[in-house]
Amino acid sequence: MDFKTLQDEVAELLNFNSSQTDQDFTTAQIKKAINRAYAREYRKARQEGIRQWFSSVTEITWLGGAVTLSLPASVRRNQIVRIIDVTSSDPGYPLVFDDGGFLGDIHWKDRNTLQWGSSGPSDNRTLRIEYMAEPEEMSSDEDEPILVAPDHHELIFYSAAIDLRTRADEVAPQSWAMERQELRMDFYKDVSRGRPHGTATVIRSSSEDSAEFIY
């Protein structure tokens, strides 16, 4: 569903009639509620599912001799899963973090800045940052909640309608809450499955001799 369709669905649940001038909820309020619901339901599902459904990547260059690197704004406030050096090979190797800055490859200088030892890398390094994506606010009618699969868009408008009723100090129908819970469980089940389904995933630890299989 696009943003406009989600608005229509929420309005219908709330018995919204655009021809009336006195409505409990304005279009602006409905739009805000949908964006809140989108972010809320996505983040809840992220706590329940496997990371393959939620991770994104971006690549940056760490210049040779540069001791520190400021993270790009696109990932600065996101949960970082790992940073992989893909300069010479792909998939490359994950960089090792060390809080003290003595044993690993890199450490945090502050919450937005990484430091590479005391002198920086000897040459330019291409780093792939894997991070947990965050929902972008929808504004145009054609925008879509791309981080939630179309099969689960119904969850968003039920969650938004309940949110609006609660903010108006009203009790949403119990049937809405029950429907939202069922839709949440369906969403959680989907993102808890492997991607692709039925395929074993190998997660290699820091030791080259050990690996963990997830089915």
N, C-alpha and C. Protein backbone atom coordinates (compact mmCIF):
# COMPACT_ATOMS: atom_id res chain seq x y z
N MET A 1 0.84 -1.20 0.00
CA MET A 1 0.00 0.00 0.00
C MET A 1 0.88 1.25 0.00
N ASP A 2 0.46 2.26 -0.72
CA ASP A 2 1.17 3.52 -0.65
C ASP A 2 0.60 4.36 0.50
N PHE A 3 1.19 5.52 0.72
CA PHE A 3 0.82 6.37 1.85
C PHE A 3 -0.65 6.79 1.78
N LYS A 4 -1.12 7.10 0.57
CA LYS A 4 -2.51 7.53 0.41
C LYS A 4 -3.47 6.40 0.76
N THR A 5 -3.18 5.19 0.34
CA THR A 5 -4.04 4.05 0.64
C THR A 5 -4.08 3.79 2.14
N LEU A 6 -2.93 3.91 2.79
CA LEU A 6 -2.89 3.73 4.24
C LEU A 6 -3.74 4.78 4.94
N GLN A 7 -3.69 6.01 4.45
CA GLN A 7 -4.52 7.07 5.04
C GLN A 7 -6.00 6.73 4.89
N ASP A 8 -6.38 6.26 3.73
CA ASP A 8 -7.78 5.91 3.49
C ASP A 8 -8.24 4.79 4.41
N GLU A 9 -7.38 3.81 4.62
CA GLU A 9 -7.73 2.67 5.48
C GLU A 9 -7.90 3.13 6.93
N VAL A 10 -7.00 3.97 7.41
CA VAL A 10 -7.12 4.48 8.78
C VAL A 10 -8.39 5.31 8.91
N ALA A 11 -8.65 6.17 7.94
CA ALA A 11 -9.84 7.01 7.98
C ALA A 11 -11.11 6.17 8.01
N GLU A 12 -11.11 5.09 7.25
CA GLU A 12 -12.29 4.22 7.23
C GLU A 12 -12.50 3.55 8.58
N LEU A 13 -11.42 3.11 9.19
CA LEU A 13 -11.53 2.50 10.53
C LEU A 13 -12.10 3.50 11.54
N LEU A 14 -11.70 4.74 11.38
CA LEU A 14 -12.13 5.78 12.33
C LEU A 14 -13.47 6.39 11.96
N ASN A 15 -14.14 5.85 10.92
CA ASN A 15 -15.40 6.41 10.42
C ASN A 15 -15.23 7.87 10.00
N PHE A 16 -14.09 8.14 9.39
CA PHE A 16 -13.77 9.49 8.95
C PHE A 16 -14.57 9.82 7.68
N ASN A 17 -15.18 11.00 7.65
CA ASN A 17 -15.95 11.43 6.49
C ASN A 17 -15.39 12.77 6.02
N SER A 18 -14.73 12.77 4.88
CA SER A 18 -14.05 13.99 4.41
C SER A 18 -15.03 15.11 4.08
N SER A 19 -16.30 14.79 3.91
CA SER A 19 -17.28 15.83 3.56
C SER A 19 -17.74 16.62 4.77
N GLN A 20 -17.40 16.12 5.97
CA GLN A 20 -17.78 16.83 7.19
C GLN A 20 -16.64 17.74 7.63
N THR A 21 -16.99 18.89 8.14
CA THR A 21 -15.96 19.86 8.54
C THR A 21 -15.46 19.60 9.95
N ASP A 22 -16.24 18.94 10.79
CA ASP A 22 -15.86 18.70 12.18
C ASP A 22 -15.51 17.23 12.36
N GLN A 23 -14.23 16.93 12.34
CA GLN A 23 -13.78 15.55 12.46
C GLN A 23 -12.94 15.42 13.73
N ASP A 24 -12.95 14.20 14.32
CA ASP A 24 -12.13 13.96 15.50
C ASP A 24 -10.64 14.03 15.17
N PHE A 25 -10.29 13.61 13.96
CA PHE A 25 -8.88 13.56 13.58
C PHE A 25 -8.70 14.21 12.22
N THR A 26 -7.70 15.06 12.13
CA THR A 26 -7.41 15.73 10.87
C THR A 26 -6.55 14.82 9.99
N THR A 27 -6.45 15.19 8.72
CA THR A 27 -5.59 14.44 7.80
C THR A 27 -4.15 14.47 8.27
N ALA A 28 -3.72 15.63 8.78
CA ALA A 28 -2.34 15.74 9.28
C ALA A 28 -2.09 14.79 10.45
N GLN A 29 -3.08 14.67 11.34
CA GLN A 29 -2.93 13.76 12.47
C GLN A 29 -2.85 12.30 12.00
N ILE A 30 -3.66 11.96 11.00
CA ILE A 30 -3.64 10.60 10.47
C ILE A 30 -2.28 10.29 9.83
N LYS A 31 -1.74 11.26 9.10
CA LYS A 31 -0.43 11.05 8.47
C LYS A 31 0.65 10.81 9.53
N LYS A 32 0.64 11.61 10.58
CA LYS A 32 1.63 11.45 11.64
C LYS A 32 1.48 10.10 12.33
N ALA A 33 0.24 9.70 12.55
CA ALA A 33 -0.01 8.42 13.22
C ALA A 33 0.49 7.25 12.38
N ILE A 34 0.32 7.34 11.07
CA ILE A 34 0.79 6.26 10.19
C ILE A 34 2.31 6.17 10.24
N ASN A 35 2.98 7.30 10.20
CA ASN A 35 4.45 7.27 10.27
C ASN A 35 4.94 6.74 11.62
N ARG A 36 4.23 7.10 12.68
CA ARG A 36 4.61 6.56 14.00
C ARG A 36 4.40 5.05 14.03
N ALA A 37 3.26 4.61 13.48
CA ALA A 37 2.95 3.18 13.48
C ALA A 37 3.96 2.40 12.64
N TYR A 38 4.31 2.94 11.50
CA TYR A 38 5.30 2.31 10.63
C TYR A 38 6.61 2.09 11.37
N ALA A 39 7.12 3.15 11.99
CA ALA A 39 8.38 3.06 12.72
C ALA A 39 8.27 2.12 13.92
N ARG A 40 7.15 2.22 14.64
CA ARG A 40 6.97 1.41 15.85
C ARG A 40 6.89 -0.08 15.51
N GLU A 41 6.08 -0.44 14.55
CA GLU A 41 5.89 -1.86 14.23
C GLU A 41 7.14 -2.46 13.58
N TYR A 42 7.83 -1.66 12.80
CA TYR A 42 9.08 -2.15 12.20
C TYR A 42 10.12 -2.43 13.29
N ARG A 43 10.27 -1.50 14.22
CA ARG A 43 11.29 -1.68 15.26
C ARG A 43 10.95 -2.82 16.20
N LYS A 44 9.67 -3.02 16.48
CA LYS A 44 9.27 -4.17 17.29
C LYS A 44 9.62 -5.48 16.57
N ALA A 45 9.33 -5.53 15.28
CA ALA A 45 9.61 -6.74 14.51
C ALA A 45 11.12 -6.99 14.42
N ARG A 46 11.88 -5.93 14.37
CA ARG A 46 13.34 -6.07 14.29
C ARG A 46 13.91 -6.76 15.52
N GLN A 47 13.22 -6.60 16.66
CA GLN A 47 13.65 -7.27 17.87
C GLN A 47 13.34 -8.76 17.85
N GLU A 48 12.42 -9.16 16.98
CA GLU A 48 11.96 -10.54 16.94
C GLU A 48 12.56 -11.35 15.78
N GLY A 49 12.98 -10.68 14.72
CA GLY A 49 13.40 -11.37 13.52
C GLY A 49 14.91 -11.51 13.39
N ILE A 50 15.33 -12.15 12.29
CA ILE A 50 16.76 -12.30 12.02
C ILE A 50 17.22 -11.11 11.19
N ARG A 51 18.52 -10.81 11.31
CA ARG A 51 19.00 -9.54 10.78
C ARG A 51 18.94 -9.44 9.25
N GLN A 52 18.90 -10.57 8.54
CA GLN A 52 18.86 -10.51 7.08
C GLN A 52 17.66 -9.75 6.54
N TRP A 53 16.59 -9.68 7.34
CA TRP A 53 15.39 -8.95 6.91
C TRP A 53 15.51 -7.45 7.13
N PHE A 54 16.50 -7.01 7.89
CA PHE A 54 16.52 -5.61 8.30
C PHE A 54 17.82 -4.87 7.98
N SER A 55 18.87 -5.61 7.58
CA SER A 55 20.17 -4.97 7.40
C SER A 55 20.32 -4.31 6.04
N SER A 56 21.09 -3.24 6.02
CA SER A 56 21.47 -2.54 4.79
C SER A 56 22.99 -2.35 4.84
N VAL A 57 23.57 -2.01 3.69
CA VAL A 57 25.01 -1.76 3.66
C VAL A 57 25.31 -0.47 2.92
N THR A 58 26.43 0.12 3.27
CA THR A 58 26.97 1.25 2.53
C THR A 58 28.49 1.11 2.56
N GLU A 59 29.16 1.64 1.56
CA GLU A 59 30.62 1.54 1.51
C GLU A 59 31.24 2.92 1.59
N ILE A 60 32.35 3.00 2.33
CA ILE A 60 33.06 4.26 2.51
C ILE A 60 34.55 4.00 2.33
N THR A 61 35.32 5.05 2.12
CA THR A 61 36.78 4.93 1.98
C THR A 61 37.45 5.57 3.18
N TRP A 62 38.34 4.82 3.80
CA TRP A 62 39.18 5.36 4.88
C TRP A 62 40.54 5.65 4.25
N LEU A 63 40.91 6.92 4.19
CA LEU A 63 42.13 7.33 3.53
C LEU A 63 43.37 6.87 4.29
N GLY A 64 44.36 6.43 3.54
CA GLY A 64 45.61 6.00 4.16
C GLY A 64 46.24 7.14 4.96
N GLY A 65 46.70 6.82 6.15
CA GLY A 65 47.33 7.81 7.00
C GLY A 65 46.37 8.63 7.84
N ALA A 66 45.06 8.50 7.56
CA ALA A 66 44.07 9.24 8.36
C ALA A 66 43.77 8.44 9.63
N VAL A 67 44.02 9.03 10.78
CA VAL A 67 43.86 8.32 12.05
C VAL A 67 42.39 8.12 12.38
N THR A 68 41.57 9.10 12.09
CA THR A 68 40.15 9.02 12.46
C THR A 68 39.25 9.11 11.23
N LEU A 69 38.04 8.64 11.40
CA LEU A 69 37.03 8.70 10.35
C LEU A 69 35.69 9.02 10.97
N SER A 70 35.05 10.07 10.50
CA SER A 70 33.71 10.43 10.96
C SER A 70 32.70 9.65 10.15
N LEU A 71 31.80 8.94 10.82
CA LEU A 71 30.80 8.13 10.12
C LEU A 71 29.85 9.00 9.30
N PRO A 72 29.42 8.52 8.14
CA PRO A 72 28.44 9.29 7.35
C PRO A 72 27.11 9.39 8.09
N ALA A 73 26.39 10.46 7.83
CA ALA A 73 25.12 10.71 8.51
C ALA A 73 24.13 9.59 8.28
N SER A 74 24.23 8.89 7.14
CA SER A 74 23.27 7.84 6.80
C SER A 74 23.32 6.66 7.77
N VAL A 75 24.44 6.48 8.46
CA VAL A 75 24.55 5.34 9.40
C VAL A 75 24.87 5.78 10.82
N ARG A 76 25.13 7.05 11.03
CA ARG A 76 25.61 7.54 12.32
C ARG A 76 24.68 7.19 13.47
N ARG A 77 23.38 7.28 13.24
CA ARG A 77 22.42 7.04 14.32
C ARG A 77 21.79 5.65 14.25
N ASN A 78 22.30 4.83 13.36
CA ASN A 78 21.74 3.49 13.21
C ASN A 78 22.56 2.47 13.99
N GLN A 79 21.96 1.30 14.22
CA GLN A 79 22.67 0.21 14.86
C GLN A 79 23.61 -0.43 13.84
N ILE A 80 24.90 -0.39 14.13
CA ILE A 80 25.89 -0.97 13.23
C ILE A 80 26.10 -2.43 13.60
N VAL A 81 26.00 -3.31 12.60
CA VAL A 81 26.18 -4.74 12.82
C VAL A 81 27.65 -5.11 12.76
N ARG A 82 28.33 -4.69 11.70
CA ARG A 82 29.75 -4.96 11.55
C ARG A 82 30.31 -4.09 10.45
N ILE A 83 31.65 -3.97 10.44
CA ILE A 83 32.35 -3.22 9.41
C ILE A 83 33.36 -4.17 8.77
N ILE A 84 33.28 -4.32 7.45
CA ILE A 84 34.09 -5.30 6.73
C ILE A 84 35.04 -4.59 5.78
N ASP A 85 36.30 -4.99 5.80
CA ASP A 85 37.30 -4.46 4.88
C ASP A 85 37.22 -5.24 3.57
N VAL A 86 36.77 -4.57 2.50
CA VAL A 86 36.62 -5.23 1.20
C VAL A 86 37.59 -4.64 0.18
N THR A 87 38.68 -4.07 0.67
CA THR A 87 39.65 -3.42 -0.22
C THR A 87 40.23 -4.39 -1.24
N SER A 88 40.65 -5.56 -0.78
CA SER A 88 41.36 -6.50 -1.65
C SER A 88 40.52 -7.69 -2.06
N SER A 89 39.44 -7.95 -1.33
CA SER A 89 38.60 -9.11 -1.65
C SER A 89 37.18 -8.85 -1.18
N ASP A 90 36.27 -9.60 -1.76
CA ASP A 90 34.86 -9.50 -1.38
C ASP A 90 34.34 -10.92 -1.22
N PRO A 91 33.91 -11.37 -0.05
CA PRO A 91 33.37 -10.58 1.05
C PRO A 91 34.37 -9.91 2.00
N GLY A 92 35.65 -10.10 1.88
CA GLY A 92 36.59 -9.42 2.76
C GLY A 92 36.61 -10.00 4.15
N TYR A 93 37.08 -9.19 5.12
CA TYR A 93 37.14 -9.67 6.51
C TYR A 93 36.63 -8.59 7.45
N PRO A 94 35.93 -9.00 8.52
CA PRO A 94 35.40 -8.00 9.46
C PRO A 94 36.51 -7.40 10.31
N LEU A 95 36.45 -6.10 10.51
CA LEU A 95 37.41 -5.42 11.37
C LEU A 95 37.08 -5.73 12.83
N VAL A 96 38.13 -5.84 13.63
CA VAL A 96 37.98 -6.17 15.05
C VAL A 96 37.99 -4.88 15.85
N PHE A 97 36.96 -4.70 16.69
CA PHE A 97 36.88 -3.54 17.57
C PHE A 97 37.54 -3.84 18.90
N ASP A 98 38.22 -2.85 19.44
CA ASP A 98 38.86 -2.97 20.74
C ASP A 98 38.60 -1.69 21.51
N ASP A 99 37.91 -1.80 22.63
CA ASP A 99 37.57 -0.60 23.41
C ASP A 99 38.79 0.19 23.82
N GLY A 100 39.89 -0.50 24.11
CA GLY A 100 41.09 0.20 24.57
C GLY A 100 41.93 0.76 23.45
N GLY A 101 41.73 0.27 22.23
CA GLY A 101 42.49 0.79 21.10
C GLY A 101 43.87 0.20 20.96
N PHE A 102 44.14 -0.93 21.63
CA PHE A 102 45.49 -1.50 21.58
C PHE A 102 45.56 -2.83 20.83
N LEU A 103 44.49 -3.64 20.89
CA LEU A 103 44.56 -4.99 20.35
C LEU A 103 43.81 -5.16 19.03
N GLY A 104 42.75 -4.44 18.81
CA GLY A 104 41.94 -4.61 17.62
C GLY A 104 42.41 -3.75 16.46
N ASP A 105 41.60 -3.77 15.40
CA ASP A 105 41.90 -2.93 14.23
C ASP A 105 41.52 -1.47 14.47
N ILE A 106 40.31 -1.27 15.00
CA ILE A 106 39.80 0.08 15.21
C ILE A 106 39.08 0.16 16.55
N HIS A 107 38.85 1.39 17.00
CA HIS A 107 38.07 1.60 18.22
C HIS A 107 37.31 2.92 18.08
N TRP A 108 36.33 3.11 18.98
CA TRP A 108 35.54 4.34 18.97
C TRP A 108 36.29 5.46 19.68
N LYS A 109 36.50 6.56 18.97
CA LYS A 109 37.04 7.75 19.63
C LYS A 109 35.92 8.48 20.35
N ASP A 110 34.79 8.60 19.68
CA ASP A 110 33.55 9.06 20.30
C ASP A 110 32.41 8.37 19.58
N ARG A 111 31.19 8.73 19.88
CA ARG A 111 30.05 7.98 19.35
C ARG A 111 29.89 8.10 17.84
N ASN A 112 30.52 9.09 17.22
CA ASN A 112 30.41 9.28 15.77
C ASN A 112 31.73 9.08 15.03
N THR A 113 32.82 8.87 15.76
CA THR A 113 34.14 8.86 15.14
C THR A 113 34.90 7.59 15.46
N LEU A 114 35.44 6.97 14.41
CA LEU A 114 36.27 5.78 14.57
C LEU A 114 37.74 6.17 14.51
N GLN A 115 38.59 5.40 15.21
CA GLN A 115 40.03 5.65 15.16
C GLN A 115 40.75 4.35 14.80
N TRP A 116 41.73 4.46 13.89
CA TRP A 116 42.51 3.32 13.43
C TRP A 116 43.90 3.39 14.08
N GLY A 117 44.07 2.67 15.18
CA GLY A 117 45.35 2.66 15.88
C GLY A 117 45.80 4.06 16.24
N SER A 118 47.10 4.31 16.06
CA SER A 118 47.63 5.64 16.37
C SER A 118 48.14 6.36 15.12
N SER A 119 48.16 5.65 13.98
CA SER A 119 48.70 6.27 12.77
C SER A 119 47.81 6.10 11.54
N GLY A 120 46.68 5.36 11.68
CA GLY A 120 45.79 5.15 10.55
C GLY A 120 46.26 4.01 9.66
N PRO A 121 45.46 3.61 8.68
CA PRO A 121 45.87 2.53 7.77
C PRO A 121 47.01 2.99 6.86
N SER A 122 47.78 2.04 6.37
CA SER A 122 48.94 2.37 5.54
C SER A 122 48.53 2.84 4.14
N ASP A 123 47.35 2.42 3.68
CA ASP A 123 46.86 2.86 2.39
C ASP A 123 45.34 3.00 2.45
N ASN A 124 44.74 3.48 1.38
CA ASN A 124 43.29 3.65 1.38
C ASN A 124 42.60 2.30 1.56
N ARG A 125 41.56 2.28 2.41
CA ARG A 125 40.81 1.05 2.66
C ARG A 125 39.34 1.29 2.32
N THR A 126 38.75 0.32 1.61
CA THR A 126 37.32 0.36 1.32
C THR A 126 36.59 -0.45 2.37
N LEU A 127 35.69 0.19 3.10
CA LEU A 127 34.99 -0.46 4.19
C LEU A 127 33.49 -0.56 3.88
N ARG A 128 32.96 -1.73 4.10
CA ARG A 128 31.52 -1.95 3.93
C ARG A 128 30.88 -1.98 5.32
N ILE A 129 29.98 -1.05 5.56
CA ILE A 129 29.30 -0.97 6.85
C ILE A 129 27.93 -1.62 6.74
N GLU A 130 27.71 -2.65 7.54
CA GLU A 130 26.40 -3.27 7.61
C GLU A 130 25.67 -2.70 8.81
N TYR A 131 24.45 -2.21 8.60
CA TYR A 131 23.71 -1.56 9.68
C TYR A 131 22.23 -1.89 9.57
N MET A 132 21.52 -1.68 10.67
CA MET A 132 20.09 -1.89 10.71
C MET A 132 19.38 -0.66 10.14
N ALA A 133 18.63 -0.86 9.08
CA ALA A 133 17.94 0.25 8.44
C ALA A 133 16.90 0.87 9.37
N GLU A 134 16.64 2.15 9.18
CA GLU A 134 15.61 2.87 9.93
C GLU A 134 14.55 3.39 8.96
N PRO A 135 13.29 3.38 9.37
CA PRO A 135 12.22 3.85 8.48
C PRO A 135 12.35 5.34 8.17
N GLU A 136 12.09 5.69 6.92
CA GLU A 136 12.05 7.09 6.53
C GLU A 136 10.60 7.58 6.58
N GLU A 137 10.43 8.81 7.00
CA GLU A 137 9.08 9.36 7.12
C GLU A 137 8.44 9.51 5.74
N MET A 138 7.21 9.06 5.63
CA MET A 138 6.47 9.20 4.38
C MET A 138 5.79 10.56 4.34
N SER A 139 5.78 11.18 3.17
CA SER A 139 5.14 12.49 3.03
C SER A 139 4.27 12.56 1.77
N SER A 140 4.77 12.05 0.65
CA SER A 140 3.99 12.06 -0.59
C SER A 140 3.03 10.88 -0.62
N ASP A 141 1.92 11.06 -1.33
CA ASP A 141 0.92 10.00 -1.42
C ASP A 141 1.49 8.72 -2.01
N GLU A 142 2.51 8.84 -2.86
CA GLU A 142 3.07 7.67 -3.53
C GLU A 142 4.12 6.94 -2.68
N ASP A 143 4.53 7.52 -1.56
CA ASP A 143 5.53 6.88 -0.71
C ASP A 143 5.00 5.57 -0.16
N GLU A 144 5.90 4.63 0.08
CA GLU A 144 5.51 3.34 0.63
C GLU A 144 6.38 2.98 1.83
N PRO A 145 5.82 2.22 2.77
CA PRO A 145 6.62 1.77 3.92
C PRO A 145 7.50 0.59 3.51
N ILE A 146 8.60 0.88 2.82
CA ILE A 146 9.37 -0.15 2.13
C ILE A 146 10.04 -1.15 3.07
N LEU A 147 10.19 -0.82 4.34
CA LEU A 147 10.84 -1.75 5.27
C LEU A 147 9.87 -2.78 5.83
N VAL A 148 8.60 -2.64 5.51
CA VAL A 148 7.59 -3.63 5.90
C VAL A 148 7.00 -4.21 4.62
N ALA A 149 7.06 -5.53 4.48
CA ALA A 149 6.56 -6.17 3.27
C ALA A 149 5.08 -5.87 3.06
N PRO A 150 4.62 -5.79 1.80
CA PRO A 150 3.21 -5.48 1.52
C PRO A 150 2.23 -6.40 2.23
N ASP A 151 2.61 -7.66 2.47
CA ASP A 151 1.71 -8.58 3.17
C ASP A 151 1.35 -8.11 4.57
N HIS A 152 2.16 -7.19 5.12
CA HIS A 152 1.96 -6.78 6.52
C HIS A 152 1.60 -5.30 6.66
N HIS A 153 1.21 -4.67 5.58
CA HIS A 153 0.83 -3.25 5.66
C HIS A 153 -0.46 -3.05 6.47
N GLU A 154 -1.30 -4.07 6.53
CA GLU A 154 -2.53 -3.94 7.31
C GLU A 154 -2.22 -3.67 8.78
N LEU A 155 -1.12 -4.22 9.25
CA LEU A 155 -0.71 -3.98 10.64
C LEU A 155 -0.50 -2.50 10.89
N ILE A 156 0.06 -1.79 9.92
CA ILE A 156 0.37 -0.37 10.10
C ILE A 156 -0.90 0.44 10.32
N PHE A 157 -1.94 0.21 9.50
CA PHE A 157 -3.10 1.08 9.68
C PHE A 157 -3.92 0.73 10.92
N TYR A 158 -3.91 -0.53 11.35
CA TYR A 158 -4.57 -0.85 12.62
C TYR A 158 -3.81 -0.20 13.78
N SER A 159 -2.49 -0.29 13.74
CA SER A 159 -1.68 0.32 14.80
C SER A 159 -1.87 1.82 14.85
N ALA A 160 -1.97 2.46 13.68
CA ALA A 160 -2.17 3.91 13.62
C ALA A 160 -3.53 4.31 14.17
N ALA A 161 -4.57 3.55 13.83
CA ALA A 161 -5.92 3.87 14.31
C ALA A 161 -6.01 3.74 15.82
N ILE A 162 -5.40 2.70 16.39
CA ILE A 162 -5.40 2.53 17.85
C ILE A 162 -4.63 3.67 18.51
N ASP A 163 -3.52 4.06 17.92
CA ASP A 163 -2.72 5.16 18.45
C ASP A 163 -3.55 6.45 18.52
N LEU A 164 -4.28 6.75 17.46
CA LEU A 164 -5.08 7.97 17.43
C LEU A 164 -6.18 7.94 18.48
N ARG A 165 -6.86 6.81 18.61
CA ARG A 165 -7.91 6.69 19.63
C ARG A 165 -7.32 6.88 21.04
N THR A 166 -6.16 6.30 21.27
CA THR A 166 -5.52 6.41 22.58
C THR A 166 -5.12 7.86 22.88
N ARG A 167 -4.58 8.55 21.89
CA ARG A 167 -4.17 9.93 22.08
C ARG A 167 -5.37 10.85 22.31
N ALA A 168 -6.52 10.43 21.80
CA ALA A 168 -7.75 11.20 22.03
C ALA A 168 -8.40 10.83 23.36
N ASP A 169 -7.67 10.04 24.16
CA ASP A 169 -8.17 9.60 25.47
C ASP A 169 -9.44 8.78 25.32
N GLU A 170 -9.47 7.96 24.29
CA GLU A 170 -10.58 7.06 24.05
C GLU A 170 -10.07 5.62 24.02
N VAL A 171 -10.91 4.69 24.32
CA VAL A 171 -10.53 3.28 24.29
C VAL A 171 -10.85 2.72 22.91
N ALA A 172 -9.82 2.23 22.23
CA ALA A 172 -10.04 1.61 20.93
C ALA A 172 -10.80 0.31 21.11
N PRO A 173 -11.62 -0.09 20.15
CA PRO A 173 -12.34 -1.37 20.26
C PRO A 173 -11.40 -2.53 20.53
N GLN A 174 -11.83 -3.43 21.38
CA GLN A 174 -11.01 -4.59 21.71
C GLN A 174 -10.70 -5.42 20.46
N SER A 175 -11.63 -5.44 19.54
CA SER A 175 -11.42 -6.20 18.30
C SER A 175 -10.22 -5.66 17.51
N TRP A 176 -10.01 -4.32 17.58
CA TRP A 176 -8.85 -3.74 16.89
C TRP A 176 -7.55 -4.23 17.53
N ALA A 177 -7.52 -4.23 18.86
CA ALA A 177 -6.32 -4.67 19.57
C ALA A 177 -6.02 -6.15 19.27
N MET A 178 -7.08 -6.96 19.22
CA MET A 178 -6.89 -8.37 18.93
C MET A 178 -6.39 -8.57 17.50
N GLU A 179 -6.93 -7.81 16.58
CA GLU A 179 -6.50 -7.90 15.18
C GLU A 179 -5.05 -7.45 15.05
N ARG A 180 -4.70 -6.36 15.72
CA ARG A 180 -3.31 -5.89 15.67
C ARG A 180 -2.36 -6.95 16.20
N GLN A 181 -2.73 -7.62 17.29
CA GLN A 181 -1.87 -8.64 17.86
C GLN A 181 -1.68 -9.81 16.90
N GLU A 182 -2.74 -10.23 16.25
CA GLU A 182 -2.63 -11.33 15.28
C GLU A 182 -1.74 -10.92 14.10
N LEU A 183 -1.92 -9.69 13.63
CA LEU A 183 -1.10 -9.21 12.52
C LEU A 183 0.36 -9.09 12.92
N ARG A 184 0.60 -8.67 14.16
CA ARG A 184 1.98 -8.61 14.65
C ARG A 184 2.62 -9.99 14.66
N MET A 185 1.89 -10.97 15.16
CA MET A 185 2.44 -12.32 15.24
C MET A 185 2.76 -12.86 13.85
N ASP A 186 1.90 -12.56 12.87
CA ASP A 186 2.17 -12.99 11.50
C ASP A 186 3.44 -12.33 10.97
N PHE A 187 3.61 -11.06 11.27
CA PHE A 187 4.81 -10.32 10.84
C PHE A 187 6.05 -10.92 11.49
N TYR A 188 5.98 -11.17 12.80
CA TYR A 188 7.13 -11.72 13.52
C TYR A 188 7.50 -13.11 12.99
N LYS A 189 6.50 -13.90 12.67
CA LYS A 189 6.78 -15.24 12.14
C LYS A 189 7.53 -15.16 10.82
N ASP A 190 7.10 -14.24 9.96
CA ASP A 190 7.75 -14.13 8.65
C ASP A 190 9.21 -13.70 8.77
N VAL A 191 9.48 -12.70 9.62
CA VAL A 191 10.86 -12.20 9.72
C VAL A 191 11.73 -13.08 10.60
N SER A 192 11.14 -14.10 11.22
CA SER A 192 11.92 -15.05 12.00
C SER A 192 12.40 -16.23 11.16
N ARG A 193 11.86 -16.35 9.96
CA ARG A 193 12.27 -17.43 9.06
C ARG A 193 13.57 -17.07 8.36
N GLY A 194 14.26 -18.10 7.88
CA GLY A 194 15.48 -17.86 7.13
C GLY A 194 15.20 -17.14 5.83
N ARG A 195 16.23 -16.55 5.28
CA ARG A 195 16.08 -15.85 4.01
C ARG A 195 17.19 -16.29 3.08
N PRO A 196 16.98 -17.22 2.12
CA PRO A 196 15.69 -17.82 1.76
C PRO A 196 15.21 -18.83 2.79
N HIS A 197 13.92 -19.11 2.78
CA HIS A 197 13.33 -20.06 3.73
C HIS A 197 13.95 -21.43 3.54
N GLY A 198 14.15 -22.12 4.65
CA GLY A 198 14.60 -23.51 4.58
C GLY A 198 16.07 -23.70 4.26
N THR A 199 16.84 -22.60 4.24
CA THR A 199 18.26 -22.71 3.94
C THR A 199 19.07 -22.47 5.20
N ALA A 200 20.08 -23.32 5.42
CA ALA A 200 20.95 -23.15 6.58
C ALA A 200 21.86 -21.96 6.36
N THR A 201 22.01 -21.14 7.40
CA THR A 201 22.90 -19.99 7.35
C THR A 201 24.09 -20.25 8.25
N VAL A 202 25.29 -19.96 7.76
CA VAL A 202 26.50 -20.15 8.55
C VAL A 202 26.99 -18.80 9.03
N ILE A 203 27.13 -18.67 10.34
CA ILE A 203 27.69 -17.47 10.93
C ILE A 203 29.05 -17.84 11.51
N ARG A 204 30.13 -17.30 10.95
CA ARG A 204 31.46 -17.65 11.41
C ARG A 204 31.88 -16.71 12.53
N SER A 205 32.40 -17.29 13.59
CA SER A 205 32.86 -16.51 14.72
C SER A 205 34.23 -15.93 14.42
N SER A 206 34.84 -15.27 15.42
CA SER A 206 36.16 -14.69 15.21
C SER A 206 37.21 -15.76 15.01
N SER A 207 36.92 -16.96 15.46
CA SER A 207 37.84 -18.08 15.24
C SER A 207 37.55 -18.72 13.90
N GLU A 208 38.59 -18.90 13.07
CA GLU A 208 38.40 -19.47 11.74
C GLU A 208 38.00 -20.95 11.81
N ASP A 209 38.16 -21.59 12.98
CA ASP A 209 37.91 -23.01 13.10
C ASP A 209 36.52 -23.34 13.59
N SER A 210 35.74 -22.33 13.92
CA SER A 210 34.41 -22.61 14.47
C SER A 210 33.37 -21.81 13.71
N ALA A 211 32.18 -22.40 13.60
CA ALA A 211 31.08 -21.72 12.92
C ALA A 211 29.77 -22.20 13.54
N GLU A 212 28.77 -21.35 13.42
CA GLU A 212 27.45 -21.66 13.97
C GLU A 212 26.46 -21.77 12.83
N PHE A 213 25.68 -22.86 12.82
CA PHE A 213 24.67 -23.05 11.79
C PHE A 213 23.31 -22.63 12.33
N ILE A 214 22.57 -21.85 11.56
CA ILE A 214 21.21 -21.45 11.93
C ILE A 214 20.28 -21.95 10.84
N TYR A 215 19.23 -22.66 11.23
CA TYR A 215 18.28 -23.23 10.27
C TYR A 215 16.96 -22.46 10.30
